[in-house]
């Protein structure tokens, strides 16, 4: 990338849903789409302005990544889908639900907006 992606309000499209999110970015490199051929990675997000790769996912694994800052900025709710996707993946049972470490950890440490009293 000659100048990179810097600053806020960079539109990124989630390919599976077509949803466009405004993102904050600070990077000067990107994955070349053609370099992903014959790999287990698929492109999930692209920059609307220049078409560069902004997100990838492993085809047969529960792992994904994005190139921008998903810390809920510049809009306070723009990245919630990523965090929801992450939580849904770690809560997927792996065999016996009671033996699933992810489920045990989530049940112990999860936030609840209900009054505990």
PDB file of N, CA and C in Angstrom:
ATOM      1  N   UNK A   1       0.852  -1.175   0.000  1.00  0.00           N
ATOM      2  CA  UNK A   1       0.000   0.000   0.000  1.00  0.00           C
ATOM      3  C   UNK A   1       0.896   1.236   0.000  1.00  0.00           C
ATOM      4  N   UNK A   2       0.647   2.125  -0.904  1.00  0.00           N
ATOM      5  CA  UNK A   2       1.504   3.302  -1.014  1.00  0.00           C
ATOM      6  C   UNK A   2       1.389   4.208   0.209  1.00  0.00           C
ATOM      7  N   UNK A   3       0.173   4.493   0.648  1.00  0.00           N
ATOM      8  CA  UNK A   3      -0.029   5.393   1.787  1.00  0.00           C
ATOM      9  C   UNK A   3      -0.669   4.706   2.987  1.00  0.00           C
ATOM     10  N   UNK A   4      -1.235   3.550   2.791  1.00  0.00           N
ATOM     11  CA  UNK A   4      -1.887   2.837   3.884  1.00  0.00           C
ATOM     12  C   UNK A   4      -3.271   3.377   4.176  1.00  0.00           C
ATOM     13  N   UNK A   5      -3.856   2.833   5.198  1.00  0.00           N
ATOM     14  CA  UNK A   5      -5.164   3.284   5.690  1.00  0.00           C
ATOM     15  C   UNK A   5      -4.935   3.898   7.056  1.00  0.00           C
ATOM     16  N   UNK A   6      -5.229   5.157   7.177  1.00  0.00           N
ATOM     17  CA  UNK A   6      -4.991   5.879   8.421  1.00  0.00           C
ATOM     18  C   UNK A   6      -6.220   6.710   8.777  1.00  0.00           C
ATOM     19  N   UNK A   7      -6.571   6.709  10.052  1.00  0.00           N
ATOM     20  CA  UNK A   7      -7.652   7.562  10.523  1.00  0.00           C
ATOM     21  C   UNK A   7      -8.966   6.827  10.683  1.00  0.00           C
ATOM     22  N   UNK A   8     -10.018   7.604  10.812  1.00  0.00           N
ATOM     23  CA  UNK A   8     -11.345   7.046  11.060  1.00  0.00           C
ATOM     24  C   UNK A   8     -12.227   7.153   9.823  1.00  0.00           C
ATOM     25  N   UNK A   9     -13.397   6.558   9.931  1.00  0.00           N
ATOM     26  CA  UNK A   9     -14.432   6.606   8.891  1.00  0.00           C
ATOM     27  C   UNK A   9     -14.017   5.945   7.581  1.00  0.00           C
ATOM     28  N   UNK A  10     -13.337   4.804   7.692  1.00  0.00           N
ATOM     29  CA  UNK A  10     -13.019   3.985   6.525  1.00  0.00           C
ATOM     30  C   UNK A  10     -14.112   2.925   6.397  1.00  0.00           C
ATOM     31  N   UNK A  11     -14.878   2.937   5.303  1.00  0.00           N
ATOM     32  CA  UNK A  11     -15.938   1.936   5.153  1.00  0.00           C
ATOM     33  C   UNK A  11     -15.370   0.565   4.793  1.00  0.00           C
ATOM     34  N   UNK A  12     -15.820  -0.467   5.518  1.00  0.00           N
ATOM     35  CA  UNK A  12     -15.410  -1.846   5.285  1.00  0.00           C
ATOM     36  C   UNK A  12     -16.669  -2.694   5.110  1.00  0.00           C
ATOM     37  N   UNK A  13     -16.658  -3.530   4.060  1.00  0.00           N
ATOM     38  CA  UNK A  13     -17.817  -4.371   3.764  1.00  0.00           C
ATOM     39  C   UNK A  13     -17.573  -5.800   4.237  1.00  0.00           C
ATOM     40  N   UNK A  14     -18.549  -6.337   4.982  1.00  0.00           N
ATOM     41  CA  UNK A  14     -18.542  -7.743   5.385  1.00  0.00           C
ATOM     42  C   UNK A  14     -19.169  -8.522   4.238  1.00  0.00           C
ATOM     43  N   UNK A  15     -18.378  -9.307   3.535  1.00  0.00           N
ATOM     44  CA  UNK A  15     -18.827  -9.968   2.307  1.00  0.00           C
ATOM     45  C   UNK A  15     -20.036 -10.882   2.520  1.00  0.00           C
ATOM     46  N   UNK A  16     -20.055 -11.748   3.539  1.00  0.00           N
ATOM     47  CA  UNK A  16     -21.211 -12.653   3.682  1.00  0.00           C
ATOM     48  C   UNK A  16     -22.556 -11.947   3.863  1.00  0.00           C
ATOM     49  N   UNK A  17     -22.563 -10.792   4.536  1.00  0.00           N
ATOM     50  CA  UNK A  17     -23.840 -10.108   4.794  1.00  0.00           C
ATOM     51  C   UNK A  17     -24.056  -8.875   3.938  1.00  0.00           C
ATOM     52  N   UNK A  18     -22.979  -8.327   3.371  1.00  0.00           N
ATOM     53  CA  UNK A  18     -23.074  -7.089   2.606  1.00  0.00           C
ATOM     54  C   UNK A  18     -23.111  -5.846   3.483  1.00  0.00           C
ATOM     55  N   UNK A  19     -23.047  -6.031   4.796  1.00  0.00           N
ATOM     56  CA  UNK A  19     -23.102  -4.908   5.729  1.00  0.00           C
ATOM     57  C   UNK A  19     -21.807  -4.087   5.655  1.00  0.00           C
ATOM     58  N   UNK A  20     -21.949  -2.768   5.625  1.00  0.00           N
ATOM     59  CA  UNK A  20     -20.796  -1.865   5.613  1.00  0.00           C
ATOM     60  C   UNK A  20     -20.676  -1.213   6.975  1.00  0.00           C
ATOM     61  N   UNK A  21     -19.461  -1.248   7.518  1.00  0.00           N
ATOM     62  CA  UNK A  21     -19.174  -0.682   8.831  1.00  0.00           C
ATOM     63  C   UNK A  21     -18.129   0.407   8.687  1.00  0.00           C
ATOM     64  N   UNK A  22     -18.305   1.491   9.429  1.00  0.00           N
ATOM     65  CA  UNK A  22     -17.289   2.551   9.459  1.00  0.00           C
ATOM     66  C   UNK A  22     -16.241   2.154  10.486  1.00  0.00           C
ATOM     67  N   UNK A  23     -14.962   2.201  10.095  1.00  0.00           N
ATOM     68  CA  UNK A  23     -13.894   1.695  10.948  1.00  0.00           C
ATOM     69  C   UNK A  23     -12.799   2.724  11.177  1.00  0.00           C
ATOM     70  N   UNK A  24     -12.013   2.492  12.224  1.00  0.00           N
ATOM     71  CA  UNK A  24     -10.785   3.246  12.482  1.00  0.00           C
ATOM     72  C   UNK A  24      -9.623   2.362  12.043  1.00  0.00           C
ATOM     73  N   UNK A  25      -8.637   2.958  11.372  1.00  0.00           N
ATOM     74  CA  UNK A  25      -7.531   2.164  10.841  1.00  0.00           C
ATOM     75  C   UNK A  25      -6.200   2.875  11.008  1.00  0.00           C
ATOM     76  N   UNK A  26      -5.138   2.070  11.060  1.00  0.00           N
ATOM     77  CA  UNK A  26      -3.781   2.610  11.110  1.00  0.00           C
ATOM     78  C   UNK A  26      -2.815   1.519  10.661  1.00  0.00           C
ATOM     79  N   UNK A  27      -2.825   1.229   9.363  1.00  0.00           N
ATOM     80  CA  UNK A  27      -1.907   0.207   8.841  1.00  0.00           C
ATOM     81  C   UNK A  27      -1.425   0.590   7.450  1.00  0.00           C
ATOM     82  N   UNK A  28      -0.247   0.099   7.124  1.00  0.00           N
ATOM     83  CA  UNK A  28       0.351   0.391   5.827  1.00  0.00           C
ATOM     84  C   UNK A  28       0.607  -0.860   5.014  1.00  0.00           C
ATOM     85  N   UNK A  29      -0.118  -1.931   5.315  1.00  0.00           N
ATOM     86  CA  UNK A  29       0.064  -3.188   4.592  1.00  0.00           C
ATOM     87  C   UNK A  29      -1.282  -3.903   4.500  1.00  0.00           C
ATOM     88  N   UNK A  30      -1.351  -4.842   3.570  1.00  0.00           N
ATOM     89  CA  UNK A  30      -2.581  -5.629   3.404  1.00  0.00           C
ATOM     90  C   UNK A  30      -2.222  -6.970   2.790  1.00  0.00           C
ATOM     91  N   UNK A  31      -3.091  -7.944   2.973  1.00  0.00           N
ATOM     92  CA  UNK A  31      -2.920  -9.258   2.356  1.00  0.00           C
ATOM     93  C   UNK A  31      -3.306  -9.149   0.890  1.00  0.00           C
ATOM     94  N   UNK A  32      -2.473  -9.694   0.023  1.00  0.00           N
ATOM     95  CA  UNK A  32      -2.839  -9.757  -1.392  1.00  0.00           C
ATOM     96  C   UNK A  32      -3.837 -10.893  -1.561  1.00  0.00           C
ATOM     97  N   UNK A  33      -4.976 -10.569  -2.140  1.00  0.00           N
ATOM     98  CA  UNK A  33      -6.047 -11.564  -2.298  1.00  0.00           C
ATOM     99  C   UNK A  33      -5.543 -12.830  -2.994  1.00  0.00           C
ATOM    100  N   UNK A  34      -4.726 -12.666  -4.023  1.00  0.00           N
ATOM    101  CA  UNK A  34      -4.241 -13.830  -4.770  1.00  0.00           C
ATOM    102  C   UNK A  34      -3.312 -14.713  -3.930  1.00  0.00           C
ATOM    103  N   UNK A  35      -2.727 -14.166  -2.875  1.00  0.00           N
ATOM    104  CA  UNK A  35      -1.850 -14.974  -2.017  1.00  0.00           C
ATOM    105  C   UNK A  35      -2.644 -15.972  -1.164  1.00  0.00           C
ATOM    106  N   UNK A  36      -3.950 -15.801  -1.112  1.00  0.00           N
ATOM    107  CA  UNK A  36      -4.790 -16.696  -0.315  1.00  0.00           C
ATOM    108  C   UNK A  36      -5.234 -17.944  -1.083  1.00  0.00           C
ATOM    109  N   UNK A  37      -4.969 -17.972  -2.401  1.00  0.00           N
ATOM    110  CA  UNK A  37      -5.332 -19.142  -3.190  1.00  0.00           C
ATOM    111  C   UNK A  37      -4.587 -20.356  -2.649  1.00  0.00           C
ATOM    112  N   UNK A  38      -5.278 -21.483  -2.609  1.00  0.00           N
ATOM    113  CA  UNK A  38      -4.724 -22.744  -2.119  1.00  0.00           C
ATOM    114  C   UNK A  38      -4.304 -22.680  -0.657  1.00  0.00           C
ATOM    115  N   UNK A  39      -4.978 -21.834   0.114  1.00  0.00           N
ATOM    116  CA  UNK A  39      -4.765 -21.784   1.561  1.00  0.00           C
ATOM    117  C   UNK A  39      -6.118 -22.027   2.230  1.00  0.00           C
ATOM    118  N   UNK A  40      -6.124 -22.280   3.525  1.00  0.00           N
ATOM    119  CA  UNK A  40      -7.407 -22.476   4.216  1.00  0.00           C
ATOM    120  C   UNK A  40      -8.094 -21.166   4.587  1.00  0.00           C
ATOM    121  N   UNK A  41      -7.602 -20.031   4.083  1.00  0.00           N
ATOM    122  CA  UNK A  41      -8.182 -18.730   4.423  1.00  0.00           C
ATOM    123  C   UNK A  41      -9.138 -18.244   3.349  1.00  0.00           C
ATOM    124  N   UNK A  42     -10.226 -17.591   3.795  1.00  0.00           N
ATOM    125  CA  UNK A  42     -11.149 -16.936   2.875  1.00  0.00           C
ATOM    126  C   UNK A  42     -11.276 -15.466   3.279  1.00  0.00           C
ATOM    127  N   UNK A  43     -11.517 -14.612   2.314  1.00  0.00           N
ATOM    128  CA  UNK A  43     -11.694 -13.184   2.569  1.00  0.00           C
ATOM    129  C   UNK A  43     -13.108 -12.952   3.092  1.00  0.00           C
ATOM    130  N   UNK A  44     -13.220 -12.246   4.209  1.00  0.00           N
ATOM    131  CA  UNK A  44     -14.528 -11.951   4.792  1.00  0.00           C
ATOM    132  C   UNK A  44     -14.874 -10.470   4.743  1.00  0.00           C
ATOM    133  N   UNK A  45     -13.851  -9.600   4.707  1.00  0.00           N
ATOM    134  CA  UNK A  45     -14.062  -8.157   4.730  1.00  0.00           C
ATOM    135  C   UNK A  45     -13.161  -7.489   3.682  1.00  0.00           C
ATOM    136  N   UNK A  46     -13.703  -6.468   3.023  1.00  0.00           N
ATOM    137  CA  UNK A  46     -12.919  -5.692   2.064  1.00  0.00           C
ATOM    138  C   UNK A  46     -13.142  -4.199   2.297  1.00  0.00           C
ATOM    139  N   UNK A  47     -12.117  -3.418   2.003  1.00  0.00           N
ATOM    140  CA  UNK A  47     -12.235  -1.964   2.082  1.00  0.00           C
ATOM    141  C   UNK A  47     -13.079  -1.487   0.909  1.00  0.00           C
ATOM    142  N   UNK A  48     -14.090  -0.693   1.194  1.00  0.00           N
ATOM    143  CA  UNK A  48     -14.972  -0.192   0.139  1.00  0.00           C
ATOM    144  C   UNK A  48     -14.215   0.753  -0.785  1.00  0.00           C
ATOM    145  N   UNK A  49     -13.311   1.570  -0.248  1.00  0.00           N
ATOM    146  CA  UNK A  49     -12.616   2.582  -1.046  1.00  0.00           C
ATOM    147  C   UNK A  49     -11.646   2.007  -2.066  1.00  0.00           C
ATOM    148  N   UNK A  50     -10.901   0.949  -1.706  1.00  0.00           N
ATOM    149  CA  UNK A  50      -9.892   0.434  -2.635  1.00  0.00           C
ATOM    150  C   UNK A  50      -9.945  -1.072  -2.857  1.00  0.00           C
ATOM    151  N   UNK A  51     -10.869  -1.777  -2.218  1.00  0.00           N
ATOM    152  CA  UNK A  51     -11.022  -3.215  -2.424  1.00  0.00           C
ATOM    153  C   UNK A  51      -9.981  -4.083  -1.741  1.00  0.00           C
ATOM    154  N   UNK A  52      -9.128  -3.500  -0.906  1.00  0.00           N
ATOM    155  CA  UNK A  52      -8.101  -4.300  -0.240  1.00  0.00           C
ATOM    156  C   UNK A  52      -8.724  -5.211   0.819  1.00  0.00           C
ATOM    157  N   UNK A  53      -8.013  -6.287   1.125  1.00  0.00           N
ATOM    158  CA  UNK A  53      -8.486  -7.269   2.098  1.00  0.00           C
ATOM    159  C   UNK A  53      -8.428  -6.657   3.494  1.00  0.00           C
ATOM    160  N   UNK A  54      -9.548  -6.723   4.207  1.00  0.00           N
ATOM    161  CA  UNK A  54      -9.630  -6.190   5.573  1.00  0.00           C
ATOM    162  C   UNK A  54      -9.964  -7.260   6.603  1.00  0.00           C
ATOM    163  N   UNK A  55     -10.320  -8.475   6.145  1.00  0.00           N
ATOM    164  CA  UNK A  55     -10.628  -9.536   7.093  1.00  0.00           C
ATOM    165  C   UNK A  55     -10.534 -10.896   6.437  1.00  0.00           C
ATOM    166  N   UNK A  56     -10.093 -11.890   7.223  1.00  0.00           N
ATOM    167  CA  UNK A  56      -9.990 -13.266   6.744  1.00  0.00           C
ATOM    168  C   UNK A  56     -10.533 -14.214   7.801  1.00  0.00           C
ATOM    169  N   UNK A  57     -10.836 -15.431   7.359  1.00  0.00           N
ATOM    170  CA  UNK A  57     -11.346 -16.459   8.258  1.00  0.00           C
ATOM    171  C   UNK A  57     -10.799 -17.809   7.797  1.00  0.00           C
ATOM    172  N   UNK A  58     -10.473 -18.675   8.754  1.00  0.00           N
ATOM    173  CA  UNK A  58     -10.087 -20.040   8.414  1.00  0.00           C
ATOM    174  C   UNK A  58     -11.330 -20.815   8.014  1.00  0.00           C
ATOM    175  N   UNK A  59     -11.274 -21.521   6.899  1.00  0.00           N
ATOM    176  CA  UNK A  59     -12.441 -22.238   6.381  1.00  0.00           C
ATOM    177  C   UNK A  59     -12.984 -23.270   7.356  1.00  0.00           C
ATOM    178  N   UNK A  60     -12.123 -24.085   7.937  1.00  0.00           N
ATOM    179  CA  UNK A  60     -12.574 -25.206   8.748  1.00  0.00           C
ATOM    180  C   UNK A  60     -12.252 -25.054  10.228  1.00  0.00           C
ATOM    181  N   UNK A  61     -11.926 -23.861  10.651  1.00  0.00           N
ATOM    182  CA  UNK A  61     -11.588 -23.627  12.051  1.00  0.00           C
ATOM    183  C   UNK A  61     -12.409 -22.451  12.568  1.00  0.00           C
ATOM    184  N   UNK A  62     -12.412 -22.288  13.850  1.00  0.00           N
ATOM    185  CA  UNK A  62     -13.164 -21.194  14.451  1.00  0.00           C
ATOM    186  C   UNK A  62     -12.219 -20.032  14.741  1.00  0.00           C
ATOM    187  N   UNK A  63     -11.636 -19.478  13.672  1.00  0.00           N
ATOM    188  CA  UNK A  63     -10.705 -18.359  13.823  1.00  0.00           C
ATOM    189  C   UNK A  63     -10.929 -17.342  12.716  1.00  0.00           C
ATOM    190  N   UNK A  64     -10.883 -16.067  13.086  1.00  0.00           N
ATOM    191  CA  UNK A  64     -11.022 -14.998  12.098  1.00  0.00           C
ATOM    192  C   UNK A  64     -10.226 -13.784  12.560  1.00  0.00           C
ATOM    193  N   UNK A  65      -9.991 -12.869  11.648  1.00  0.00           N
ATOM    194  CA  UNK A  65      -9.214 -11.677  11.966  1.00  0.00           C
ATOM    195  C   UNK A  65      -9.664 -10.522  11.081  1.00  0.00           C
ATOM    196  N   UNK A  66      -9.514  -9.311  11.591  1.00  0.00           N
ATOM    197  CA  UNK A  66      -9.773  -8.117  10.787  1.00  0.00           C
ATOM    198  C   UNK A  66      -8.552  -7.209  10.836  1.00  0.00           C
ATOM    199  N   UNK A  67      -8.392  -6.403   9.812  1.00  0.00           N
ATOM    200  CA  UNK A  67      -7.233  -5.533   9.662  1.00  0.00           C
ATOM    201  C   UNK A  67      -7.434  -4.180  10.350  1.00  0.00           C
ATOM    202  N   UNK A  68      -8.633  -3.840  10.693  1.00  0.00           N
ATOM    203  CA  UNK A  68      -8.921  -2.544  11.302  1.00  0.00           C
ATOM    204  C   UNK A  68      -9.053  -2.676  12.808  1.00  0.00           C
ATOM    205  N   UNK A  69      -9.340  -1.573  13.476  1.00  0.00           N
ATOM    206  CA  UNK A  69      -9.477  -1.558  14.933  1.00  0.00           C
ATOM    207  C   UNK A  69     -10.936  -1.794  15.313  1.00  0.00           C
ATOM    208  N   UNK A  70     -11.262  -2.973  15.852  1.00  0.00           N
ATOM    209  CA  UNK A  70     -12.659  -3.245  16.204  1.00  0.00           C
ATOM    210  C   UNK A  70     -13.017  -2.827  17.626  1.00  0.00           C
ATOM    211  N   UNK A  71     -12.396  -1.794  18.131  1.00  0.00           N
ATOM    212  CA  UNK A  71     -12.636  -1.430  19.530  1.00  0.00           C
ATOM    213  C   UNK A  71     -13.823  -0.494  19.688  1.00  0.00           C
ATOM    214  N   UNK A  72     -14.790  -0.650  18.822  1.00  0.00           N
ATOM    215  CA  UNK A  72     -16.023   0.137  18.890  1.00  0.00           C
ATOM    216  C   UNK A  72     -15.787   1.603  18.618  1.00  0.00           C
ATOM    217  N   UNK A  73     -14.909   1.918  17.706  1.00  0.00           N
ATOM    218  CA  UNK A  73     -14.677   3.300  17.322  1.00  0.00           C
ATOM    219  C   UNK A  73     -14.530   3.320  15.815  1.00  0.00           C
ATOM    220  N   UNK A  74     -14.961   4.306  15.104  1.00  0.00           N
ATOM    221  CA  UNK A  74     -15.444   5.582  15.552  1.00  0.00           C
ATOM    222  C   UNK A  74     -16.880   5.592  16.055  1.00  0.00           C
ATOM    223  N   UNK A  75     -17.679   4.612  15.706  1.00  0.00           N
ATOM    224  CA  UNK A  75     -19.039   4.555  16.229  1.00  0.00           C
ATOM    225  C   UNK A  75     -19.097   3.596  17.393  1.00  0.00           C
ATOM    226  N   UNK A  76     -19.867   3.902  18.425  1.00  0.00           N
ATOM    227  CA  UNK A  76     -19.827   3.079  19.632  1.00  0.00           C
ATOM    228  C   UNK A  76     -20.383   1.666  19.461  1.00  0.00           C
ATOM    229  N   UNK A  77     -21.102   1.383  18.406  1.00  0.00           N
ATOM    230  CA  UNK A  77     -21.697   0.053  18.234  1.00  0.00           C
ATOM    231  C   UNK A  77     -21.254  -0.639  16.946  1.00  0.00           C
ATOM    232  N   UNK A  78     -20.417  -0.008  16.142  1.00  0.00           N
ATOM    233  CA  UNK A  78     -20.076  -0.541  14.824  1.00  0.00           C
ATOM    234  C   UNK A  78     -19.423  -1.912  14.858  1.00  0.00           C
ATOM    235  N   UNK A  79     -18.625  -2.217  15.874  1.00  0.00           N
ATOM    236  CA  UNK A  79     -17.891  -3.480  15.916  1.00  0.00           C
ATOM    237  C   UNK A  79     -18.599  -4.565  16.708  1.00  0.00           C
ATOM    238  N   UNK A  80     -19.802  -4.315  17.205  1.00  0.00           N
ATOM    239  CA  UNK A  80     -20.487  -5.304  18.033  1.00  0.00           C
ATOM    240  C   UNK A  80     -20.657  -6.648  17.332  1.00  0.00           C
ATOM    241  N   UNK A  81     -20.854  -6.650  16.018  1.00  0.00           N
ATOM    242  CA  UNK A  81     -21.024  -7.913  15.298  1.00  0.00           C
ATOM    243  C   UNK A  81     -19.793  -8.807  15.439  1.00  0.00           C
ATOM    244  N   UNK A  82     -18.605  -8.209  15.432  1.00  0.00           N
ATOM    245  CA  UNK A  82     -17.387  -9.005  15.594  1.00  0.00           C
ATOM    246  C   UNK A  82     -17.316  -9.630  16.978  1.00  0.00           C
ATOM    247  N   UNK A  83     -17.650  -8.849  17.992  1.00  0.00           N
ATOM    248  CA  UNK A  83     -17.618  -9.379  19.342  1.00  0.00           C
ATOM    249  C   UNK A  83     -18.698 -10.439  19.542  1.00  0.00           C
ATOM    250  N   UNK A  84     -19.866 -10.244  18.936  1.00  0.00           N
ATOM    251  CA  UNK A  84     -20.922 -11.259  18.993  1.00  0.00           C
ATOM    252  C   UNK A  84     -20.470 -12.544  18.305  1.00  0.00           C
ATOM    253  N   UNK A  85     -19.826 -12.407  17.151  1.00  0.00           N
ATOM    254  CA  UNK A  85     -19.333 -13.571  16.422  1.00  0.00           C
ATOM    255  C   UNK A  85     -18.304 -14.318  17.268  1.00  0.00           C
ATOM    256  N   UNK A  86     -17.406 -13.594  17.913  1.00  0.00           N
ATOM    257  CA  UNK A  86     -16.397 -14.213  18.773  1.00  0.00           C
ATOM    258  C   UNK A  86     -17.050 -14.973  19.925  1.00  0.00           C
ATOM    259  N   UNK A  87     -18.003 -14.337  20.611  1.00  0.00           N
ATOM    260  CA  UNK A  87     -18.662 -14.985  21.740  1.00  0.00           C
ATOM    261  C   UNK A  87     -19.441 -16.227  21.290  1.00  0.00           C
ATOM    262  N   UNK A  88     -20.121 -16.145  20.161  1.00  0.00           N
ATOM    263  CA  UNK A  88     -20.863 -17.303  19.658  1.00  0.00           C
ATOM    264  C   UNK A  88     -19.934 -18.467  19.358  1.00  0.00           C
ATOM    265  N   UNK A  89     -18.752 -18.171  18.833  1.00  0.00           N
ATOM    266  CA  UNK A  89     -17.816 -19.241  18.501  1.00  0.00           C
ATOM    267  C   UNK A  89     -17.234 -19.891  19.750  1.00  0.00           C
ATOM    268  N   UNK A  90     -16.895 -19.106  20.756  1.00  0.00           N
ATOM    269  CA  UNK A  90     -16.307 -19.741  21.931  1.00  0.00           C
ATOM    270  C   UNK A  90     -17.349 -20.472  22.767  1.00  0.00           C
ATOM    271  N   UNK A  91     -18.621 -20.144  22.561  1.00  0.00           N
ATOM    272  CA  UNK A  91     -19.672 -20.835  23.312  1.00  0.00           C
ATOM    273  C   UNK A  91     -20.178 -22.090  22.623  1.00  0.00           C
ATOM    274  N   UNK A  92     -19.717 -22.354  21.409  1.00  0.00           N
ATOM    275  CA  UNK A  92     -20.137 -23.570  20.730  1.00  0.00           C
ATOM    276  C   UNK A  92     -19.593 -24.768  21.497  1.00  0.00           C
ATOM    277  N   UNK A  93     -20.458 -25.668  21.905  1.00  0.00           N
ATOM    278  CA  UNK A  93     -19.997 -26.830  22.665  1.00  0.00           C
ATOM    279  C   UNK A  93     -19.035 -27.692  21.852  1.00  0.00           C
ATOM    280  N   UNK A  94     -18.076 -28.220  22.540  1.00  0.00           N
ATOM    281  CA  UNK A  94     -17.137 -29.164  21.944  1.00  0.00           C
ATOM    282  C   UNK A  94     -17.335 -30.462  22.702  1.00  0.00           C
ATOM    283  N   UNK A  95     -18.213 -31.294  22.208  1.00  0.00           N
ATOM    284  CA  UNK A  95     -18.538 -32.524  22.924  1.00  0.00           C
ATOM    285  C   UNK A  95     -19.509 -32.225  24.048  1.00  0.00           C
ATOM    286  N   UNK A  96     -19.265 -32.769  25.214  1.00  0.00           N
ATOM    287  CA  UNK A  96     -20.122 -32.604  26.386  1.00  0.00           C
ATOM    288  C   UNK A  96     -20.080 -31.160  26.870  1.00  0.00           C
ATOM    289  N   UNK A  97     -21.232 -30.489  26.893  1.00  0.00           N
ATOM    290  CA  UNK A  97     -21.314 -29.075  27.252  1.00  0.00           C
ATOM    291  C   UNK A  97     -20.727 -28.792  28.629  1.00  0.00           C
ATOM    292  N   UNK A  98     -20.927 -29.675  29.566  1.00  0.00           N
ATOM    293  CA  UNK A  98     -20.426 -29.458  30.920  1.00  0.00           C
ATOM    294  C   UNK A  98     -18.909 -29.579  31.004  1.00  0.00           C
ATOM    295  N   UNK A  99     -18.303 -30.264  30.048  1.00  0.00           N
ATOM    296  CA  UNK A  99     -16.851 -30.416  30.040  1.00  0.00           C
ATOM    297  C   UNK A  99     -16.175 -29.353  29.178  1.00  0.00           C
ATOM    298  N   UNK A 100     -16.951 -28.559  28.496  1.00  0.00           N
ATOM    299  CA  UNK A 100     -16.407 -27.544  27.587  1.00  0.00           C
ATOM    300  C   UNK A 100     -15.824 -26.394  28.400  1.00  0.00           C
ATOM    301  N   UNK A 101     -14.512 -26.216  28.316  1.00  0.00           N
ATOM    302  CA  UNK A 101     -13.828 -25.181  29.093  1.00  0.00           C
ATOM    303  C   UNK A 101     -14.366 -23.796  28.758  1.00  0.00           C
ATOM    304  N   UNK A 102     -14.626 -23.530  27.482  1.00  0.00           N
ATOM    305  CA  UNK A 102     -15.131 -22.210  27.100  1.00  0.00           C
ATOM    306  C   UNK A 102     -16.452 -21.904  27.778  1.00  0.00           C
ATOM    307  N   UNK A 103     -17.346 -22.885  27.840  1.00  0.00           N
ATOM    308  CA  UNK A 103     -18.648 -22.680  28.465  1.00  0.00           C
ATOM    309  C   UNK A 103     -18.486 -22.470  29.961  1.00  0.00           C
ATOM    310  N   UNK A 104     -17.618 -23.254  30.598  1.00  0.00           N
ATOM    311  CA  UNK A 104     -17.377 -23.095  32.029  1.00  0.00           C
ATOM    312  C   UNK A 104     -16.855 -21.695  32.351  1.00  0.00           C
ATOM    313  N   UNK A 105     -15.884 -21.235  31.578  1.00  0.00           N
ATOM    314  CA  UNK A 105     -15.310 -19.907  31.803  1.00  0.00           C
ATOM    315  C   UNK A 105     -16.361 -18.833  31.597  1.00  0.00           C
ATOM    316  N   UNK A 106     -17.142 -18.950  30.519  1.00  0.00           N
ATOM    317  CA  UNK A 106     -18.157 -17.944  30.237  1.00  0.00           C
ATOM    318  C   UNK A 106     -19.187 -17.879  31.349  1.00  0.00           C
ATOM    319  N   UNK A 107     -19.650 -19.035  31.809  1.00  0.00           N
ATOM    320  CA  UNK A 107     -20.661 -19.060  32.877  1.00  0.00           C
ATOM    321  C   UNK A 107     -20.119 -18.434  34.153  1.00  0.00           C
ATOM    322  N   UNK A 108     -18.840 -18.629  34.422  1.00  0.00           N
ATOM    323  CA  UNK A 108     -18.242 -18.107  35.650  1.00  0.00           C
ATOM    324  C   UNK A 108     -18.008 -16.600  35.576  1.00  0.00           C
ATOM    325  N   UNK A 109     -17.562 -16.109  34.434  1.00  0.00           N
ATOM    326  CA  UNK A 109     -17.131 -14.718  34.338  1.00  0.00           C
ATOM    327  C   UNK A 109     -18.015 -13.826  33.474  1.00  0.00           C
ATOM    328  N   UNK A 110     -19.118 -14.333  32.960  1.00  0.00           N
ATOM    329  CA  UNK A 110     -19.922 -13.528  32.049  1.00  0.00           C
ATOM    330  C   UNK A 110     -20.615 -12.379  32.772  1.00  0.00           C
ATOM    331  N   UNK A 111     -20.786 -11.311  32.026  1.00  0.00           N
ATOM    332  CA  UNK A 111     -21.480 -10.129  32.519  1.00  0.00           C
ATOM    333  C   UNK A 111     -22.977 -10.368  32.435  1.00  0.00           C
ATOM    334  N   UNK A 112     -23.664  -9.969  33.442  1.00  0.00           N
ATOM    335  CA  UNK A 112     -25.115 -10.048  33.422  1.00  0.00           C
ATOM    336  C   UNK A 112     -25.674  -8.687  33.823  1.00  0.00           C
ATOM    337  N   UNK A 113     -26.620  -8.198  33.041  1.00  0.00           N
ATOM    338  CA  UNK A 113     -27.206  -6.904  33.382  1.00  0.00           C
ATOM    339  C   UNK A 113     -28.388  -7.063  34.340  1.00  0.00           C
ATOM    340  N   UNK A 114     -28.597  -8.296  34.825  1.00  0.00           N
ATOM    341  CA  UNK A 114     -29.661  -8.522  35.785  1.00  0.00           C
ATOM    342  C   UNK A 114     -29.126  -8.274  37.196  1.00  0.00           C
ATOM    343  N   UNK A 115     -29.962  -7.738  38.040  1.00  0.00           N
ATOM    344  CA  UNK A 115     -29.587  -7.475  39.427  1.00  0.00           C
ATOM    345  C   UNK A 115     -29.383  -8.801  40.142  1.00  0.00           C
ATOM    346  N   UNK A 116     -28.176  -9.046  40.721  1.00  0.00           N
ATOM    347  CA  UNK A 116     -27.912 -10.330  41.371  1.00  0.00           C
ATOM    348  C   UNK A 116     -28.691 -10.545  42.649  1.00  0.00           C
ATOM    349  N   UNK A 117     -29.303  -9.503  43.218  1.00  0.00           N
ATOM    350  CA  UNK A 117     -30.026  -9.675  44.480  1.00  0.00           C
ATOM    351  C   UNK A 117     -31.434 -10.175  44.273  1.00  0.00           C
TER     352      UNK A 117
END
